[in-house]
């Protein structure tokens, strides 16, 4: 087996973990935030079912400097309100959000890079 095959295995395993964390984070944290009347309107735009899970994870995982910049932009309605969400979540929710979001980003970028590599350099 070549190195690329091992990398595909790692990325596919990360994709599997991302799917599990997506469901877990949605059931534990986002469900609680949807039921809360103060946070229900702060979850951002939901383009497709489950998109608010990604919005909440992004708002809790990114540094405050970046989320404040999002809230000051003209398209701020698309993003979840990080300040409101941080006040209404505990440490476990924030750690779970960071783990899910960064694994999601790693998996997406890795899949794109490996696909591009396979397209350009492998026979």
N, C-alpha and C. Protein backbone atom coordinates (compact mmCIF):
# COMPACT_ATOMS: atom_id res chain seq x y z
N UNK A 1 0.83 -1.19 0.00
CA UNK A 1 0.00 0.00 0.00
C UNK A 1 0.87 1.25 0.00
N UNK A 2 0.37 2.24 -0.67
CA UNK A 2 1.11 3.49 -0.74
C UNK A 2 0.66 4.44 0.36
N UNK A 3 1.41 5.53 0.51
CA UNK A 3 1.09 6.53 1.51
C UNK A 3 -0.28 7.16 1.28
N UNK A 4 -0.64 7.34 0.02
CA UNK A 4 -1.94 7.94 -0.30
C UNK A 4 -3.08 7.07 0.20
N UNK A 5 -2.91 5.76 0.12
CA UNK A 5 -3.95 4.85 0.60
C UNK A 5 -4.13 4.97 2.11
N UNK A 6 -3.03 5.11 2.84
CA UNK A 6 -3.11 5.31 4.29
C UNK A 6 -3.78 6.65 4.63
N UNK A 7 -3.44 7.68 3.85
CA UNK A 7 -4.05 8.99 4.08
C UNK A 7 -5.55 8.94 3.82
N UNK A 8 -5.98 8.22 2.78
CA UNK A 8 -7.41 8.07 2.52
C UNK A 8 -8.08 7.37 3.69
N UNK A 9 -7.43 6.36 4.24
CA UNK A 9 -7.99 5.66 5.39
C UNK A 9 -8.16 6.58 6.59
N UNK A 10 -7.16 7.41 6.85
CA UNK A 10 -7.23 8.35 7.97
C UNK A 10 -8.35 9.36 7.75
N UNK A 11 -8.44 9.88 6.54
CA UNK A 11 -9.47 10.89 6.25
C UNK A 11 -10.87 10.27 6.31
N UNK A 12 -11.03 9.07 5.82
CA UNK A 12 -12.35 8.43 5.89
C UNK A 12 -12.74 8.11 7.34
N UNK A 13 -11.76 7.73 8.17
CA UNK A 13 -12.04 7.54 9.59
C UNK A 13 -12.43 8.85 10.24
N UNK A 14 -11.73 9.93 9.89
CA UNK A 14 -12.08 11.26 10.42
C UNK A 14 -13.47 11.67 9.95
N UNK A 15 -13.84 11.32 8.73
CA UNK A 15 -15.18 11.61 8.22
C UNK A 15 -16.23 10.86 9.03
N UNK A 16 -15.96 9.62 9.36
CA UNK A 16 -16.88 8.82 10.18
C UNK A 16 -17.04 9.44 11.56
N UNK A 17 -15.93 9.87 12.17
CA UNK A 17 -16.01 10.53 13.48
C UNK A 17 -16.76 11.86 13.39
N UNK A 18 -16.57 12.58 12.29
CA UNK A 18 -17.28 13.84 12.09
C UNK A 18 -18.78 13.62 12.03
N UNK A 19 -19.20 12.58 11.35
CA UNK A 19 -20.63 12.27 11.27
C UNK A 19 -21.20 11.95 12.66
N UNK A 20 -20.47 11.19 13.44
CA UNK A 20 -20.91 10.86 14.80
C UNK A 20 -20.98 12.12 15.66
N UNK A 21 -19.96 12.97 15.56
CA UNK A 21 -19.95 14.20 16.34
C UNK A 21 -21.04 15.18 15.90
N UNK A 22 -21.37 15.18 14.61
CA UNK A 22 -22.45 16.03 14.10
C UNK A 22 -23.77 15.68 14.78
N UNK A 23 -24.08 14.41 14.82
CA UNK A 23 -25.32 13.96 15.45
C UNK A 23 -25.28 14.20 16.96
N UNK A 24 -24.16 13.89 17.58
CA UNK A 24 -24.02 14.05 19.02
C UNK A 24 -24.16 15.52 19.42
N UNK A 25 -23.45 16.39 18.73
CA UNK A 25 -23.50 17.82 19.04
C UNK A 25 -24.91 18.36 18.80
N UNK A 26 -25.55 17.92 17.74
CA UNK A 26 -26.91 18.36 17.46
C UNK A 26 -27.89 17.93 18.53
N UNK A 27 -27.75 16.70 19.01
CA UNK A 27 -28.68 16.19 20.01
C UNK A 27 -28.43 16.75 21.40
N UNK A 28 -27.17 16.96 21.74
CA UNK A 28 -26.85 17.42 23.10
C UNK A 28 -26.97 18.93 23.22
N UNK A 29 -26.33 19.66 22.34
CA UNK A 29 -26.22 21.11 22.50
C UNK A 29 -27.28 21.88 21.73
N UNK A 30 -27.39 21.64 20.44
CA UNK A 30 -28.25 22.45 19.60
C UNK A 30 -29.73 22.22 19.93
N UNK A 31 -30.09 21.02 20.29
CA UNK A 31 -31.47 20.76 20.69
C UNK A 31 -31.84 21.62 21.91
N UNK A 32 -30.91 21.70 22.86
CA UNK A 32 -31.13 22.53 24.05
C UNK A 32 -31.26 24.01 23.66
N UNK A 33 -30.45 24.47 22.73
CA UNK A 33 -30.50 25.87 22.30
C UNK A 33 -31.76 26.18 21.49
N UNK A 34 -32.26 25.21 20.73
CA UNK A 34 -33.50 25.41 19.97
C UNK A 34 -34.70 25.55 20.90
N UNK A 35 -34.69 24.86 22.02
CA UNK A 35 -35.81 24.91 22.96
C UNK A 35 -35.80 26.18 23.80
N UNK A 36 -34.65 26.80 23.96
CA UNK A 36 -34.52 28.02 24.76
C UNK A 36 -35.02 29.21 23.93
N UNK A 37 -35.97 29.98 24.50
CA UNK A 37 -36.56 31.08 23.73
C UNK A 37 -35.57 32.22 23.48
N UNK A 38 -34.58 32.39 24.34
CA UNK A 38 -33.61 33.48 24.13
C UNK A 38 -32.58 33.14 23.07
N UNK A 39 -32.31 31.88 22.87
CA UNK A 39 -31.28 31.49 21.88
C UNK A 39 -31.86 31.00 20.57
N UNK A 40 -33.16 30.74 20.53
CA UNK A 40 -33.77 30.18 19.32
C UNK A 40 -33.55 31.05 18.09
N UNK A 41 -33.62 32.36 18.26
CA UNK A 41 -33.45 33.29 17.14
C UNK A 41 -31.99 33.62 16.87
N UNK A 42 -31.07 33.11 17.66
CA UNK A 42 -29.65 33.44 17.53
C UNK A 42 -28.84 32.37 16.82
N UNK A 43 -29.50 31.39 16.20
CA UNK A 43 -28.79 30.27 15.60
C UNK A 43 -28.37 30.50 14.16
N UNK A 44 -28.73 31.61 13.57
CA UNK A 44 -28.33 31.91 12.20
C UNK A 44 -29.29 31.31 11.19
N UNK A 45 -29.02 31.56 9.93
CA UNK A 45 -29.87 31.08 8.85
C UNK A 45 -29.65 29.59 8.64
N UNK A 46 -30.76 28.88 8.44
CA UNK A 46 -30.66 27.44 8.19
C UNK A 46 -31.01 27.18 6.72
N UNK A 47 -29.98 27.05 5.89
CA UNK A 47 -30.19 26.81 4.46
C UNK A 47 -30.77 25.42 4.20
N UNK A 48 -30.29 24.46 4.95
CA UNK A 48 -30.77 23.08 4.85
C UNK A 48 -30.91 22.55 6.26
N UNK A 49 -31.58 21.45 6.37
CA UNK A 49 -31.79 20.86 7.69
C UNK A 49 -30.45 20.52 8.32
N UNK A 50 -30.24 20.99 9.53
CA UNK A 50 -28.99 20.73 10.23
C UNK A 50 -27.94 21.81 10.06
N UNK A 51 -28.21 22.80 9.23
CA UNK A 51 -27.22 23.86 9.00
C UNK A 51 -26.97 24.66 10.27
N UNK A 52 -27.99 24.78 11.11
CA UNK A 52 -27.81 25.51 12.35
C UNK A 52 -26.83 24.82 13.29
N UNK A 53 -26.67 23.52 13.15
CA UNK A 53 -25.67 22.80 13.93
C UNK A 53 -24.28 23.29 13.56
N UNK A 54 -24.03 23.46 12.28
CA UNK A 54 -22.74 23.99 11.82
C UNK A 54 -22.56 25.44 12.26
N UNK A 55 -23.63 26.24 12.20
CA UNK A 55 -23.55 27.64 12.64
C UNK A 55 -23.18 27.73 14.11
N UNK A 56 -23.81 26.93 14.94
CA UNK A 56 -23.54 26.96 16.38
C UNK A 56 -22.12 26.48 16.66
N UNK A 57 -21.70 25.41 16.01
CA UNK A 57 -20.34 24.90 16.22
C UNK A 57 -19.30 25.93 15.80
N UNK A 58 -19.55 26.59 14.69
CA UNK A 58 -18.64 27.64 14.23
C UNK A 58 -18.57 28.79 15.23
N UNK A 59 -19.71 29.22 15.72
CA UNK A 59 -19.75 30.34 16.66
C UNK A 59 -19.04 30.01 17.97
N UNK A 60 -19.14 28.77 18.42
CA UNK A 60 -18.52 28.40 19.68
C UNK A 60 -17.05 28.02 19.53
N UNK A 61 -16.64 27.61 18.34
CA UNK A 61 -15.27 27.12 18.14
C UNK A 61 -14.30 28.22 17.71
N UNK A 62 -14.77 29.19 16.97
CA UNK A 62 -13.88 30.24 16.49
C UNK A 62 -13.57 31.24 17.59
N UNK A 63 -12.41 31.89 17.52
CA UNK A 63 -12.07 32.91 18.52
C UNK A 63 -13.04 34.10 18.48
N UNK A 64 -13.16 34.77 19.61
CA UNK A 64 -14.09 35.89 19.75
C UNK A 64 -13.80 37.02 18.76
N UNK A 65 -12.55 37.25 18.45
CA UNK A 65 -12.18 38.31 17.50
C UNK A 65 -12.83 38.05 16.14
N UNK A 66 -12.80 36.82 15.69
CA UNK A 66 -13.37 36.48 14.38
C UNK A 66 -14.89 36.54 14.42
N UNK A 67 -15.50 36.00 15.48
CA UNK A 67 -16.97 36.03 15.55
C UNK A 67 -17.50 37.45 15.69
N UNK A 68 -16.76 38.33 16.38
CA UNK A 68 -17.18 39.73 16.46
C UNK A 68 -17.11 40.40 15.08
N UNK A 69 -16.15 40.01 14.30
CA UNK A 69 -16.04 40.54 12.93
C UNK A 69 -17.21 40.08 12.07
N UNK A 70 -17.60 38.80 12.24
CA UNK A 70 -18.77 38.30 11.52
C UNK A 70 -20.03 39.08 11.89
N UNK A 71 -20.20 39.34 13.18
CA UNK A 71 -21.40 40.04 13.65
C UNK A 71 -21.44 41.49 13.18
N UNK A 72 -20.30 42.06 12.87
CA UNK A 72 -20.26 43.43 12.37
C UNK A 72 -20.39 43.55 10.87
N UNK A 73 -20.46 42.43 10.18
CA UNK A 73 -20.52 42.47 8.71
C UNK A 73 -21.97 42.62 8.23
N UNK A 74 -22.15 43.02 6.97
CA UNK A 74 -23.51 43.17 6.43
C UNK A 74 -24.28 41.84 6.34
N UNK A 75 -23.59 40.73 6.30
CA UNK A 75 -24.26 39.43 6.21
C UNK A 75 -24.29 38.72 7.56
N UNK A 76 -24.34 39.48 8.63
CA UNK A 76 -24.28 38.90 9.96
C UNK A 76 -25.48 38.01 10.29
N UNK A 77 -26.58 38.18 9.59
CA UNK A 77 -27.76 37.37 9.85
C UNK A 77 -27.52 35.90 9.50
N UNK A 78 -26.54 35.63 8.66
CA UNK A 78 -26.24 34.25 8.28
C UNK A 78 -25.53 33.48 9.38
N UNK A 79 -24.87 34.16 10.29
CA UNK A 79 -24.07 33.52 11.31
C UNK A 79 -24.81 33.49 12.64
N UNK A 80 -24.47 32.53 13.47
CA UNK A 80 -25.03 32.44 14.81
C UNK A 80 -24.41 33.52 15.69
N UNK A 81 -25.16 34.01 16.64
CA UNK A 81 -24.68 35.03 17.56
C UNK A 81 -23.81 34.38 18.64
N UNK A 82 -22.52 34.56 18.54
CA UNK A 82 -21.58 33.87 19.42
C UNK A 82 -21.71 34.31 20.87
N UNK A 83 -21.95 35.59 21.11
CA UNK A 83 -22.05 36.07 22.48
C UNK A 83 -23.23 35.45 23.21
N UNK A 84 -24.38 35.39 22.57
CA UNK A 84 -25.57 34.80 23.17
C UNK A 84 -25.34 33.31 23.42
N UNK A 85 -24.74 32.63 22.46
CA UNK A 85 -24.52 31.19 22.59
C UNK A 85 -23.50 30.87 23.67
N UNK A 86 -22.46 31.68 23.79
CA UNK A 86 -21.46 31.43 24.83
C UNK A 86 -22.05 31.59 26.23
N UNK A 87 -23.00 32.51 26.38
CA UNK A 87 -23.64 32.71 27.68
C UNK A 87 -24.55 31.55 28.05
N UNK A 88 -25.09 30.85 27.07
CA UNK A 88 -26.09 29.81 27.31
C UNK A 88 -25.56 28.40 27.12
N UNK A 89 -24.25 28.23 27.05
CA UNK A 89 -23.66 26.89 26.95
C UNK A 89 -22.61 26.71 28.04
N UNK A 90 -22.35 25.45 28.36
CA UNK A 90 -21.34 25.16 29.37
C UNK A 90 -20.02 24.77 28.70
N UNK A 91 -19.04 24.46 29.51
CA UNK A 91 -17.70 24.13 28.99
C UNK A 91 -17.73 22.89 28.11
N UNK A 92 -18.49 21.88 28.52
CA UNK A 92 -18.57 20.65 27.72
C UNK A 92 -19.11 20.94 26.32
N UNK A 93 -20.15 21.78 26.24
CA UNK A 93 -20.71 22.14 24.93
C UNK A 93 -19.68 22.84 24.06
N UNK A 94 -18.88 23.71 24.66
CA UNK A 94 -17.86 24.45 23.90
C UNK A 94 -16.75 23.54 23.42
N UNK A 95 -16.34 22.59 24.26
CA UNK A 95 -15.31 21.63 23.86
C UNK A 95 -15.82 20.72 22.75
N UNK A 96 -17.05 20.25 22.90
CA UNK A 96 -17.66 19.40 21.87
C UNK A 96 -17.80 20.16 20.55
N UNK A 97 -18.17 21.44 20.63
CA UNK A 97 -18.28 22.27 19.42
C UNK A 97 -16.93 22.43 18.74
N UNK A 98 -15.91 22.72 19.52
CA UNK A 98 -14.57 22.89 18.95
C UNK A 98 -14.07 21.60 18.32
N UNK A 99 -14.26 20.49 19.00
CA UNK A 99 -13.82 19.20 18.47
C UNK A 99 -14.54 18.89 17.16
N UNK A 100 -15.85 19.05 17.16
CA UNK A 100 -16.63 18.78 15.94
C UNK A 100 -16.24 19.73 14.80
N UNK A 101 -16.20 21.03 15.08
CA UNK A 101 -15.96 22.01 14.02
C UNK A 101 -14.58 21.82 13.39
N UNK A 102 -13.55 21.69 14.20
CA UNK A 102 -12.20 21.59 13.63
C UNK A 102 -11.97 20.25 12.94
N UNK A 103 -12.60 19.17 13.43
CA UNK A 103 -12.52 17.90 12.72
C UNK A 103 -13.29 17.98 11.40
N UNK A 104 -14.39 18.69 11.38
CA UNK A 104 -15.16 18.92 10.16
C UNK A 104 -14.32 19.68 9.13
N UNK A 105 -13.65 20.74 9.57
CA UNK A 105 -12.80 21.53 8.68
C UNK A 105 -11.63 20.69 8.16
N UNK A 106 -10.97 19.97 9.07
CA UNK A 106 -9.85 19.11 8.66
C UNK A 106 -10.29 18.09 7.63
N UNK A 107 -11.42 17.45 7.87
CA UNK A 107 -11.91 16.42 6.95
C UNK A 107 -12.26 17.01 5.59
N UNK A 108 -12.94 18.13 5.58
CA UNK A 108 -13.31 18.75 4.31
C UNK A 108 -12.11 19.16 3.49
N UNK A 109 -11.15 19.81 4.13
CA UNK A 109 -9.94 20.26 3.42
C UNK A 109 -9.13 19.05 2.95
N UNK A 110 -9.02 18.04 3.80
CA UNK A 110 -8.25 16.84 3.43
C UNK A 110 -8.88 16.11 2.26
N UNK A 111 -10.19 16.00 2.24
CA UNK A 111 -10.85 15.34 1.12
C UNK A 111 -10.61 16.10 -0.18
N UNK A 112 -10.67 17.42 -0.11
CA UNK A 112 -10.41 18.22 -1.32
C UNK A 112 -8.97 18.07 -1.80
N UNK A 113 -8.02 18.14 -0.86
CA UNK A 113 -6.61 18.05 -1.23
C UNK A 113 -6.29 16.67 -1.79
N UNK A 114 -6.76 15.61 -1.14
CA UNK A 114 -6.49 14.26 -1.63
C UNK A 114 -7.15 14.00 -2.98
N UNK A 115 -8.35 14.50 -3.17
CA UNK A 115 -9.03 14.33 -4.46
C UNK A 115 -8.28 15.06 -5.56
N UNK A 116 -7.84 16.27 -5.26
CA UNK A 116 -7.06 17.03 -6.24
C UNK A 116 -5.75 16.32 -6.56
N UNK A 117 -5.08 15.81 -5.54
CA UNK A 117 -3.83 15.08 -5.75
C UNK A 117 -4.06 13.85 -6.62
N UNK A 118 -5.11 13.10 -6.31
CA UNK A 118 -5.40 11.88 -7.08
C UNK A 118 -5.73 12.24 -8.54
N UNK A 119 -6.40 13.34 -8.74
CA UNK A 119 -6.78 13.76 -10.10
C UNK A 119 -5.57 14.19 -10.92
N UNK A 120 -4.65 14.91 -10.28
CA UNK A 120 -3.53 15.49 -11.02
C UNK A 120 -2.31 14.57 -11.15
N UNK A 121 -2.02 13.79 -10.11
CA UNK A 121 -0.73 13.11 -10.07
C UNK A 121 -0.77 11.59 -10.11
N UNK A 122 -1.91 10.97 -9.93
CA UNK A 122 -1.97 9.52 -9.91
C UNK A 122 -2.61 9.03 -11.20
N UNK A 123 -1.99 8.02 -11.78
CA UNK A 123 -2.47 7.48 -13.07
C UNK A 123 -3.79 6.81 -12.93
